[in-house]
Amino acid sequence: MSSTTRRAPHRHTPDLQMLPAATHSYLSRSAASLREAVIAPDVPTRYACAHVAALQAAAALLAARAHPTPARRRQKNAWILLAEVAPEFIEWATFFAAGAGKRAAAEAGLSRSVSEREADDLVRDADRFLAVVESSLGLVPHVSEASQRGSAQAGWAERNGVA
């Protein structure tokens, strides 16, 4: 456990009235970043937006569960804090932390930094992560951006006679 944060109980079920405004703000920004990822015209932007969406979802959970302590210590990134504050999310934290370098390369405009498959997979993973975070906070999960994209593409194909 970090000296800068205090771990909430593992089965933390917050009172919805007590969730900080920052939690709701981060969740909203995460959903917006996912929408941006879904419509992004290029692969690096899609990957970067999806990774940022996951980071914002992690920030929402941290805003709800982390409690600063007065001791001033070395700062940690959100994925390390997430693993400390919400140990049930350690696999998610490890997964998204591993993609930070690719996100930085994608944001730098390196077009070959990620493949189209990696970007699409990350959009789906970030979308699922946001839903898991929302559920853990006692909220109704958002409507999946990835499924909306698939439904929209299927509807377009059907309307235009494309198999």
N, C-alpha and C. Protein backbone atom coordinates (compact mmCIF):
# COMPACT_ATOMS: atom_id res chain seq x y z
N MET A 1 0.85 -1.18 0.00
CA MET A 1 0.00 0.00 0.00
C MET A 1 0.89 1.24 0.00
N SER A 2 0.51 2.19 -0.79
CA SER A 2 1.26 3.43 -0.92
C SER A 2 1.07 4.30 0.31
N SER A 3 2.07 5.08 0.59
CA SER A 3 1.93 6.02 1.69
C SER A 3 1.15 7.25 1.25
N THR A 4 0.90 7.37 -0.06
CA THR A 4 0.16 8.54 -0.55
C THR A 4 -1.31 8.23 -0.78
N THR A 5 -1.67 6.96 -0.76
CA THR A 5 -3.07 6.61 -0.92
C THR A 5 -3.44 5.54 0.08
N ARG A 6 -4.69 5.46 0.36
CA ARG A 6 -5.20 4.45 1.27
C ARG A 6 -6.14 3.56 0.47
N ARG A 7 -5.98 2.27 0.59
CA ARG A 7 -6.78 1.33 -0.17
C ARG A 7 -8.19 1.27 0.41
N ALA A 8 -9.14 1.31 -0.50
CA ALA A 8 -10.53 1.15 -0.09
C ALA A 8 -10.80 -0.34 0.10
N PRO A 9 -11.83 -0.69 0.84
CA PRO A 9 -12.15 -2.11 1.00
C PRO A 9 -12.36 -2.75 -0.36
N HIS A 10 -11.99 -4.01 -0.48
CA HIS A 10 -12.06 -4.72 -1.76
C HIS A 10 -13.46 -4.69 -2.35
N ARG A 11 -14.46 -4.92 -1.57
CA ARG A 11 -15.84 -4.94 -2.03
C ARG A 11 -16.48 -3.59 -1.82
N HIS A 12 -15.83 -2.57 -2.27
CA HIS A 12 -16.28 -1.19 -2.09
C HIS A 12 -17.53 -0.94 -2.91
N THR A 13 -18.63 -0.60 -2.27
CA THR A 13 -19.86 -0.25 -2.95
C THR A 13 -20.22 1.16 -2.53
N PRO A 14 -19.84 2.15 -3.35
CA PRO A 14 -20.08 3.53 -2.94
C PRO A 14 -21.54 3.91 -3.01
N ASP A 15 -21.90 4.85 -2.18
CA ASP A 15 -23.20 5.46 -2.25
C ASP A 15 -23.17 6.37 -3.47
N LEU A 16 -24.10 6.16 -4.39
CA LEU A 16 -24.08 6.93 -5.63
C LEU A 16 -24.14 8.43 -5.39
N GLN A 17 -24.80 8.83 -4.30
CA GLN A 17 -24.86 10.24 -3.96
C GLN A 17 -23.50 10.77 -3.53
N MET A 18 -22.62 9.87 -3.11
CA MET A 18 -21.33 10.27 -2.56
C MET A 18 -20.19 10.21 -3.58
N LEU A 19 -20.44 9.75 -4.78
CA LEU A 19 -19.38 9.73 -5.78
C LEU A 19 -18.96 11.16 -6.08
N PRO A 20 -17.66 11.42 -6.09
CA PRO A 20 -17.19 12.77 -6.36
C PRO A 20 -17.56 13.23 -7.78
N ALA A 21 -17.73 14.51 -7.94
CA ALA A 21 -18.02 15.07 -9.26
C ALA A 21 -16.92 14.70 -10.25
N ALA A 22 -15.68 14.62 -9.77
CA ALA A 22 -14.56 14.26 -10.64
C ALA A 22 -14.75 12.87 -11.24
N THR A 23 -15.33 11.96 -10.47
CA THR A 23 -15.58 10.61 -10.98
C THR A 23 -16.51 10.67 -12.18
N HIS A 24 -17.60 11.39 -12.04
CA HIS A 24 -18.56 11.51 -13.15
C HIS A 24 -17.92 12.21 -14.34
N SER A 25 -17.12 13.22 -14.07
CA SER A 25 -16.45 13.95 -15.14
C SER A 25 -15.49 13.04 -15.92
N TYR A 26 -14.69 12.27 -15.20
CA TYR A 26 -13.76 11.35 -15.87
C TYR A 26 -14.51 10.28 -16.66
N LEU A 27 -15.61 9.79 -16.13
CA LEU A 27 -16.38 8.78 -16.86
C LEU A 27 -16.95 9.37 -18.16
N SER A 28 -17.42 10.58 -18.07
CA SER A 28 -17.95 11.26 -19.26
C SER A 28 -16.85 11.48 -20.29
N ARG A 29 -15.69 11.91 -19.83
CA ARG A 29 -14.56 12.13 -20.74
C ARG A 29 -14.08 10.82 -21.34
N SER A 30 -14.13 9.75 -20.57
CA SER A 30 -13.74 8.45 -21.10
C SER A 30 -14.67 8.03 -22.23
N ALA A 31 -15.97 8.18 -22.02
CA ALA A 31 -16.94 7.83 -23.07
C ALA A 31 -16.74 8.69 -24.31
N ALA A 32 -16.43 9.97 -24.12
CA ALA A 32 -16.18 10.87 -25.26
C ALA A 32 -14.92 10.44 -26.02
N SER A 33 -13.89 10.06 -25.30
CA SER A 33 -12.67 9.59 -25.95
C SER A 33 -12.92 8.30 -26.73
N LEU A 34 -13.77 7.44 -26.19
CA LEU A 34 -14.13 6.22 -26.92
C LEU A 34 -14.87 6.55 -28.21
N ARG A 35 -15.80 7.49 -28.13
CA ARG A 35 -16.52 7.90 -29.35
C ARG A 35 -15.54 8.44 -30.38
N GLU A 36 -14.58 9.24 -29.90
CA GLU A 36 -13.56 9.79 -30.80
C GLU A 36 -12.73 8.66 -31.41
N ALA A 37 -12.41 7.65 -30.62
CA ALA A 37 -11.63 6.51 -31.14
C ALA A 37 -12.41 5.77 -32.22
N VAL A 38 -13.70 5.58 -31.99
CA VAL A 38 -14.53 4.84 -32.94
C VAL A 38 -14.58 5.53 -34.30
N ILE A 39 -14.63 6.85 -34.31
CA ILE A 39 -14.77 7.58 -35.59
C ILE A 39 -13.43 8.07 -36.15
N ALA A 40 -12.35 7.83 -35.42
CA ALA A 40 -11.04 8.33 -35.88
C ALA A 40 -10.72 7.78 -37.27
N PRO A 41 -10.28 8.65 -38.16
CA PRO A 41 -10.00 8.22 -39.53
C PRO A 41 -8.68 7.46 -39.69
N ASP A 42 -7.80 7.59 -38.73
CA ASP A 42 -6.50 6.91 -38.86
C ASP A 42 -6.22 6.03 -37.65
N VAL A 43 -5.42 5.02 -37.89
CA VAL A 43 -5.13 4.00 -36.89
C VAL A 43 -4.43 4.56 -35.64
N PRO A 44 -3.37 5.35 -35.78
CA PRO A 44 -2.70 5.86 -34.57
C PRO A 44 -3.63 6.68 -33.67
N THR A 45 -4.49 7.49 -34.27
CA THR A 45 -5.43 8.29 -33.48
C THR A 45 -6.43 7.39 -32.78
N ARG A 46 -6.91 6.36 -33.46
CA ARG A 46 -7.85 5.42 -32.86
C ARG A 46 -7.22 4.75 -31.62
N TYR A 47 -5.97 4.32 -31.77
CA TYR A 47 -5.28 3.68 -30.66
C TYR A 47 -5.09 4.66 -29.49
N ALA A 48 -4.59 5.84 -29.81
CA ALA A 48 -4.31 6.84 -28.76
C ALA A 48 -5.59 7.24 -28.03
N CYS A 49 -6.66 7.46 -28.75
CA CYS A 49 -7.93 7.85 -28.11
C CYS A 49 -8.47 6.73 -27.23
N ALA A 50 -8.34 5.49 -27.68
CA ALA A 50 -8.81 4.36 -26.88
C ALA A 50 -8.00 4.24 -25.60
N HIS A 51 -6.69 4.43 -25.70
CA HIS A 51 -5.84 4.33 -24.52
C HIS A 51 -6.16 5.45 -23.53
N VAL A 52 -6.38 6.64 -24.05
CA VAL A 52 -6.74 7.78 -23.20
C VAL A 52 -8.10 7.51 -22.53
N ALA A 53 -9.02 6.89 -23.26
CA ALA A 53 -10.32 6.55 -22.67
C ALA A 53 -10.15 5.62 -21.47
N ALA A 54 -9.27 4.64 -21.61
CA ALA A 54 -9.00 3.73 -20.50
C ALA A 54 -8.37 4.48 -19.33
N LEU A 55 -7.46 5.36 -19.63
CA LEU A 55 -6.79 6.16 -18.59
C LEU A 55 -7.81 7.01 -17.83
N GLN A 56 -8.75 7.59 -18.55
CA GLN A 56 -9.78 8.41 -17.91
C GLN A 56 -10.72 7.56 -17.05
N ALA A 57 -11.00 6.34 -17.51
CA ALA A 57 -11.83 5.44 -16.69
C ALA A 57 -11.09 5.08 -15.40
N ALA A 58 -9.78 4.84 -15.52
CA ALA A 58 -8.98 4.56 -14.32
C ALA A 58 -8.99 5.76 -13.39
N ALA A 59 -8.89 6.95 -13.95
CA ALA A 59 -8.91 8.17 -13.13
C ALA A 59 -10.25 8.30 -12.40
N ALA A 60 -11.33 7.91 -13.05
CA ALA A 60 -12.65 7.96 -12.41
C ALA A 60 -12.69 7.05 -11.18
N LEU A 61 -12.16 5.85 -11.34
CA LEU A 61 -12.14 4.92 -10.21
C LEU A 61 -11.23 5.43 -9.09
N LEU A 62 -10.10 5.99 -9.47
CA LEU A 62 -9.19 6.55 -8.47
C LEU A 62 -9.84 7.72 -7.74
N ALA A 63 -10.56 8.55 -8.48
CA ALA A 63 -11.24 9.69 -7.84
C ALA A 63 -12.28 9.21 -6.83
N ALA A 64 -12.89 8.06 -7.11
CA ALA A 64 -13.91 7.53 -6.20
C ALA A 64 -13.31 6.81 -5.01
N ARG A 65 -12.16 6.17 -5.18
CA ARG A 65 -11.64 5.30 -4.12
C ARG A 65 -10.37 5.77 -3.43
N ALA A 66 -9.51 6.47 -4.12
CA ALA A 66 -8.23 6.86 -3.51
C ALA A 66 -8.44 8.01 -2.55
N HIS A 67 -7.68 7.96 -1.47
CA HIS A 67 -7.75 9.02 -0.46
C HIS A 67 -6.33 9.49 -0.19
N PRO A 68 -6.02 10.72 -0.54
CA PRO A 68 -4.66 11.22 -0.31
C PRO A 68 -4.32 11.23 1.18
N THR A 69 -3.07 11.00 1.44
CA THR A 69 -2.57 11.11 2.81
C THR A 69 -1.61 12.28 2.85
N PRO A 70 -1.36 12.83 4.01
CA PRO A 70 -0.53 14.03 4.08
C PRO A 70 0.94 13.81 3.69
N ALA A 71 1.43 12.60 3.78
CA ALA A 71 2.83 12.35 3.45
C ALA A 71 3.09 12.62 1.97
N ARG A 72 4.14 13.33 1.70
CA ARG A 72 4.48 13.67 0.31
C ARG A 72 5.53 12.67 -0.17
N ARG A 73 5.18 11.90 -1.17
CA ARG A 73 6.06 10.87 -1.71
C ARG A 73 6.17 11.03 -3.22
N ARG A 74 7.01 10.20 -3.77
CA ARG A 74 7.20 10.18 -5.22
C ARG A 74 5.85 9.86 -5.91
N GLN A 75 5.57 10.58 -6.97
CA GLN A 75 4.33 10.36 -7.69
C GLN A 75 4.39 9.05 -8.45
N LYS A 76 3.23 8.43 -8.64
CA LYS A 76 3.11 7.18 -9.37
C LYS A 76 2.13 7.38 -10.51
N ASN A 77 2.28 6.57 -11.55
CA ASN A 77 1.33 6.72 -12.65
C ASN A 77 -0.01 6.07 -12.27
N ALA A 78 -1.02 6.37 -13.05
CA ALA A 78 -2.38 5.94 -12.74
C ALA A 78 -2.51 4.42 -12.69
N TRP A 79 -1.76 3.72 -13.53
CA TRP A 79 -1.89 2.26 -13.56
C TRP A 79 -1.34 1.63 -12.29
N ILE A 80 -0.26 2.16 -11.78
CA ILE A 80 0.31 1.66 -10.52
C ILE A 80 -0.66 1.96 -9.37
N LEU A 81 -1.18 3.17 -9.35
CA LEU A 81 -2.14 3.54 -8.31
C LEU A 81 -3.41 2.69 -8.39
N LEU A 82 -3.87 2.43 -9.60
CA LEU A 82 -5.07 1.62 -9.76
C LEU A 82 -4.87 0.23 -9.15
N ALA A 83 -3.73 -0.36 -9.41
CA ALA A 83 -3.43 -1.69 -8.87
C ALA A 83 -3.38 -1.67 -7.34
N GLU A 84 -2.93 -0.57 -6.77
CA GLU A 84 -2.85 -0.45 -5.31
C GLU A 84 -4.21 -0.18 -4.68
N VAL A 85 -4.97 0.71 -5.29
CA VAL A 85 -6.24 1.15 -4.72
C VAL A 85 -7.36 0.15 -5.01
N ALA A 86 -7.31 -0.49 -6.16
CA ALA A 86 -8.35 -1.45 -6.57
C ALA A 86 -7.68 -2.72 -7.09
N PRO A 87 -7.22 -3.58 -6.20
CA PRO A 87 -6.46 -4.76 -6.61
C PRO A 87 -7.22 -5.68 -7.56
N GLU A 88 -8.53 -5.61 -7.57
CA GLU A 88 -9.29 -6.42 -8.52
C GLU A 88 -9.08 -5.97 -9.96
N PHE A 89 -8.45 -4.82 -10.14
CA PHE A 89 -8.18 -4.28 -11.48
C PHE A 89 -6.71 -4.43 -11.89
N ILE A 90 -5.96 -5.23 -11.18
CA ILE A 90 -4.52 -5.32 -11.45
C ILE A 90 -4.22 -5.81 -12.87
N GLU A 91 -5.01 -6.76 -13.37
CA GLU A 91 -4.77 -7.26 -14.73
C GLU A 91 -5.05 -6.17 -15.77
N TRP A 92 -6.10 -5.41 -15.55
CA TRP A 92 -6.40 -4.30 -16.45
C TRP A 92 -5.27 -3.27 -16.40
N ALA A 93 -4.82 -2.95 -15.20
CA ALA A 93 -3.76 -1.95 -15.03
C ALA A 93 -2.48 -2.40 -15.74
N THR A 94 -2.13 -3.66 -15.59
CA THR A 94 -0.94 -4.20 -16.24
C THR A 94 -1.08 -4.14 -17.76
N PHE A 95 -2.25 -4.52 -18.24
CA PHE A 95 -2.51 -4.52 -19.68
C PHE A 95 -2.38 -3.11 -20.28
N PHE A 96 -3.05 -2.14 -19.67
CA PHE A 96 -3.02 -0.79 -20.23
C PHE A 96 -1.66 -0.11 -20.02
N ALA A 97 -0.99 -0.41 -18.93
CA ALA A 97 0.35 0.15 -18.71
C ALA A 97 1.30 -0.31 -19.81
N ALA A 98 1.13 -1.55 -20.24
CA ALA A 98 2.00 -2.09 -21.30
C ALA A 98 1.79 -1.37 -22.64
N GLY A 99 0.63 -0.75 -22.83
CA GLY A 99 0.36 -0.06 -24.09
C GLY A 99 0.71 1.42 -24.09
N ALA A 100 1.24 1.92 -22.98
CA ALA A 100 1.53 3.36 -22.89
C ALA A 100 2.58 3.80 -23.90
N GLY A 101 3.59 2.98 -24.13
CA GLY A 101 4.63 3.33 -25.09
C GLY A 101 4.08 3.43 -26.51
N LYS A 102 3.20 2.50 -26.85
CA LYS A 102 2.58 2.54 -28.18
C LYS A 102 1.69 3.77 -28.32
N ARG A 103 1.00 4.12 -27.23
CA ARG A 103 0.16 5.32 -27.28
C ARG A 103 1.02 6.54 -27.53
N ALA A 104 2.16 6.63 -26.84
CA ALA A 104 3.06 7.78 -27.02
C ALA A 104 3.56 7.83 -28.46
N ALA A 105 3.90 6.70 -29.01
CA ALA A 105 4.36 6.66 -30.41
C ALA A 105 3.24 7.06 -31.36
N ALA A 106 2.03 6.58 -31.09
CA ALA A 106 0.89 6.94 -31.93
C ALA A 106 0.60 8.43 -31.85
N GLU A 107 0.67 8.99 -30.64
CA GLU A 107 0.44 10.42 -30.47
C GLU A 107 1.52 11.25 -31.14
N ALA A 108 2.72 10.68 -31.26
CA ALA A 108 3.83 11.38 -31.92
C ALA A 108 3.69 11.33 -33.44
N GLY A 109 2.68 10.60 -33.91
CA GLY A 109 2.45 10.55 -35.35
C GLY A 109 3.17 9.44 -36.08
N LEU A 110 3.72 8.51 -35.35
CA LEU A 110 4.40 7.38 -35.98
C LEU A 110 3.35 6.42 -36.53
N SER A 111 3.12 6.49 -37.82
CA SER A 111 2.01 5.76 -38.43
C SER A 111 2.15 4.25 -38.33
N ARG A 112 3.35 3.75 -38.21
CA ARG A 112 3.55 2.30 -38.11
C ARG A 112 3.71 1.82 -36.67
N SER A 113 3.37 2.67 -35.73
CA SER A 113 3.54 2.31 -34.31
C SER A 113 2.55 1.24 -33.87
N VAL A 114 1.36 1.21 -34.47
CA VAL A 114 0.35 0.21 -34.14
C VAL A 114 -0.36 -0.24 -35.41
N SER A 115 -0.82 -1.46 -35.38
CA SER A 115 -1.56 -1.98 -36.52
C SER A 115 -3.05 -1.65 -36.37
N GLU A 116 -3.77 -1.79 -37.45
CA GLU A 116 -5.21 -1.54 -37.41
C GLU A 116 -5.87 -2.52 -36.43
N ARG A 117 -5.43 -3.75 -36.45
CA ARG A 117 -5.98 -4.77 -35.53
C ARG A 117 -5.74 -4.38 -34.07
N GLU A 118 -4.52 -3.91 -33.76
CA GLU A 118 -4.21 -3.49 -32.40
C GLU A 118 -5.11 -2.33 -31.96
N ALA A 119 -5.31 -1.39 -32.87
CA ALA A 119 -6.16 -0.24 -32.55
C ALA A 119 -7.60 -0.67 -32.31
N ASP A 120 -8.13 -1.51 -33.19
CA ASP A 120 -9.50 -1.98 -33.02
C ASP A 120 -9.66 -2.80 -31.74
N ASP A 121 -8.68 -3.64 -31.45
CA ASP A 121 -8.72 -4.43 -30.22
C ASP A 121 -8.69 -3.53 -28.98
N LEU A 122 -7.87 -2.49 -29.03
CA LEU A 122 -7.77 -1.60 -27.89
C LEU A 122 -9.07 -0.81 -27.69
N VAL A 123 -9.72 -0.43 -28.77
CA VAL A 123 -11.02 0.25 -28.64
C VAL A 123 -11.99 -0.65 -27.90
N ARG A 124 -12.06 -1.92 -28.30
CA ARG A 124 -12.95 -2.86 -27.62
C ARG A 124 -12.55 -3.07 -26.16
N ASP A 125 -11.25 -3.19 -25.91
CA ASP A 125 -10.78 -3.41 -24.54
C ASP A 125 -11.06 -2.19 -23.65
N ALA A 126 -10.82 -1.01 -24.17
CA ALA A 126 -11.08 0.22 -23.39
C ALA A 126 -12.58 0.36 -23.13
N ASP A 127 -13.38 0.01 -24.10
CA ASP A 127 -14.83 0.07 -23.97
C ASP A 127 -15.29 -0.89 -22.86
N ARG A 128 -14.76 -2.09 -22.87
CA ARG A 128 -15.10 -3.08 -21.83
C ARG A 128 -14.61 -2.61 -20.46
N PHE A 129 -13.40 -2.07 -20.41
CA PHE A 129 -12.84 -1.58 -19.16
C PHE A 129 -13.72 -0.48 -18.57
N LEU A 130 -14.18 0.44 -19.39
CA LEU A 130 -15.06 1.50 -18.91
C LEU A 130 -16.33 0.90 -18.31
N ALA A 131 -16.90 -0.09 -18.97
CA ALA A 131 -18.11 -0.73 -18.45
C ALA A 131 -17.85 -1.42 -17.11
N VAL A 132 -16.70 -2.07 -16.97
CA VAL A 132 -16.35 -2.74 -15.71
C VAL A 132 -16.16 -1.71 -14.60
N VAL A 133 -15.52 -0.59 -14.91
CA VAL A 133 -15.33 0.48 -13.92
C VAL A 133 -16.69 1.02 -13.50
N GLU A 134 -17.55 1.31 -14.46
CA GLU A 134 -18.88 1.84 -14.13
C GLU A 134 -19.64 0.86 -13.23
N SER A 135 -19.60 -0.42 -13.57
CA SER A 135 -20.28 -1.42 -12.75
C SER A 135 -19.71 -1.48 -11.34
N SER A 136 -18.39 -1.39 -11.23
CA SER A 136 -17.75 -1.45 -9.91
C SER A 136 -18.13 -0.25 -9.04
N LEU A 137 -18.53 0.84 -9.68
CA LEU A 137 -18.96 2.04 -8.96
C LEU A 137 -20.46 2.04 -8.69
N GLY A 138 -21.12 0.97 -9.09
CA GLY A 138 -22.56 0.88 -8.86
C GLY A 138 -23.38 1.61 -9.89
N LEU A 139 -22.78 1.93 -11.03
CA LEU A 139 -23.47 2.65 -12.09
C LEU A 139 -23.89 1.69 -13.20
N VAL A 140 -24.87 2.08 -13.97
CA VAL A 140 -25.27 1.29 -15.12
C VAL A 140 -24.22 1.53 -16.21
N PRO A 141 -23.64 0.46 -16.74
CA PRO A 141 -22.62 0.64 -17.78
C PRO A 141 -23.18 1.34 -19.03
N HIS A 142 -22.34 2.12 -19.66
CA HIS A 142 -22.70 2.83 -20.88
C HIS A 142 -23.03 1.84 -22.00
N VAL A 143 -23.64 2.33 -23.05
CA VAL A 143 -23.87 1.51 -24.24
C VAL A 143 -22.54 1.42 -24.96
N SER A 144 -22.13 0.22 -25.26
CA SER A 144 -20.83 -0.03 -25.85
C SER A 144 -20.61 0.71 -27.17
N GLU A 145 -19.53 1.48 -27.23
CA GLU A 145 -19.17 2.18 -28.46
C GLU A 145 -18.80 1.18 -29.56
N ALA A 146 -18.12 0.12 -29.19
CA ALA A 146 -17.69 -0.88 -30.17
C ALA A 146 -18.90 -1.55 -30.81
N SER A 147 -19.91 -1.87 -30.00
CA SER A 147 -21.09 -2.52 -30.57
C SER A 147 -21.90 -1.53 -31.41
N GLN A 148 -21.90 -0.26 -30.99
CA GLN A 148 -22.59 0.75 -31.80
C GLN A 148 -21.92 0.88 -33.16
N ARG A 149 -20.59 0.84 -33.16
CA ARG A 149 -19.86 0.95 -34.42
C ARG A 149 -20.19 -0.23 -35.32
N GLY A 150 -20.18 -1.43 -34.73
CA GLY A 150 -20.50 -2.63 -35.51
C GLY A 150 -21.92 -2.59 -36.04
N SER A 151 -22.87 -2.14 -35.21
CA SER A 151 -24.26 -2.05 -35.63
C SER A 151 -24.43 -1.01 -36.73
N ALA A 152 -23.74 0.11 -36.59
CA ALA A 152 -23.83 1.16 -37.60
C ALA A 152 -23.25 0.67 -38.93
N GLN A 153 -22.13 -0.03 -38.87
CA GLN A 153 -21.52 -0.54 -40.10
C GLN A 153 -22.41 -1.60 -40.73
N ALA A 154 -22.99 -2.48 -39.91
CA ALA A 154 -23.87 -3.52 -40.44
C ALA A 154 -25.11 -2.90 -41.07
N GLY A 155 -25.66 -1.88 -40.41
CA GLY A 155 -26.83 -1.20 -40.95
C GLY A 155 -26.52 -0.50 -42.26
N TRP A 156 -25.38 0.13 -42.36
CA TRP A 156 -24.97 0.79 -43.60
C TRP A 156 -24.82 -0.26 -44.71
N ALA A 157 -24.15 -1.36 -44.41
CA ALA A 157 -23.94 -2.40 -45.40
C ALA A 157 -25.27 -2.96 -45.88
N GLU A 158 -26.19 -3.17 -44.95
CA GLU A 158 -27.50 -3.71 -45.30
C GLU A 158 -28.28 -2.73 -46.19
N ARG A 159 -28.24 -1.44 -45.81
CA ARG A 159 -28.95 -0.42 -46.59
C ARG A 159 -28.38 -0.25 -47.98
N ASN A 160 -27.07 -0.51 -48.12
CA ASN A 160 -26.41 -0.29 -49.40
C ASN A 160 -26.15 -1.57 -50.17
N GLY A 161 -26.73 -2.67 -49.73
CA GLY A 161 -26.60 -3.93 -50.45
C GLY A 161 -25.20 -4.50 -50.48
N VAL A 162 -24.38 -4.18 -49.47
CA VAL A 162 -23.01 -4.69 -49.41
C VAL A 162 -23.02 -5.90 -48.48
N ALA A 163 -22.41 -6.97 -48.93
CA ALA A 163 -22.39 -8.20 -48.12
C ALA A 163 -21.25 -8.14 -47.12
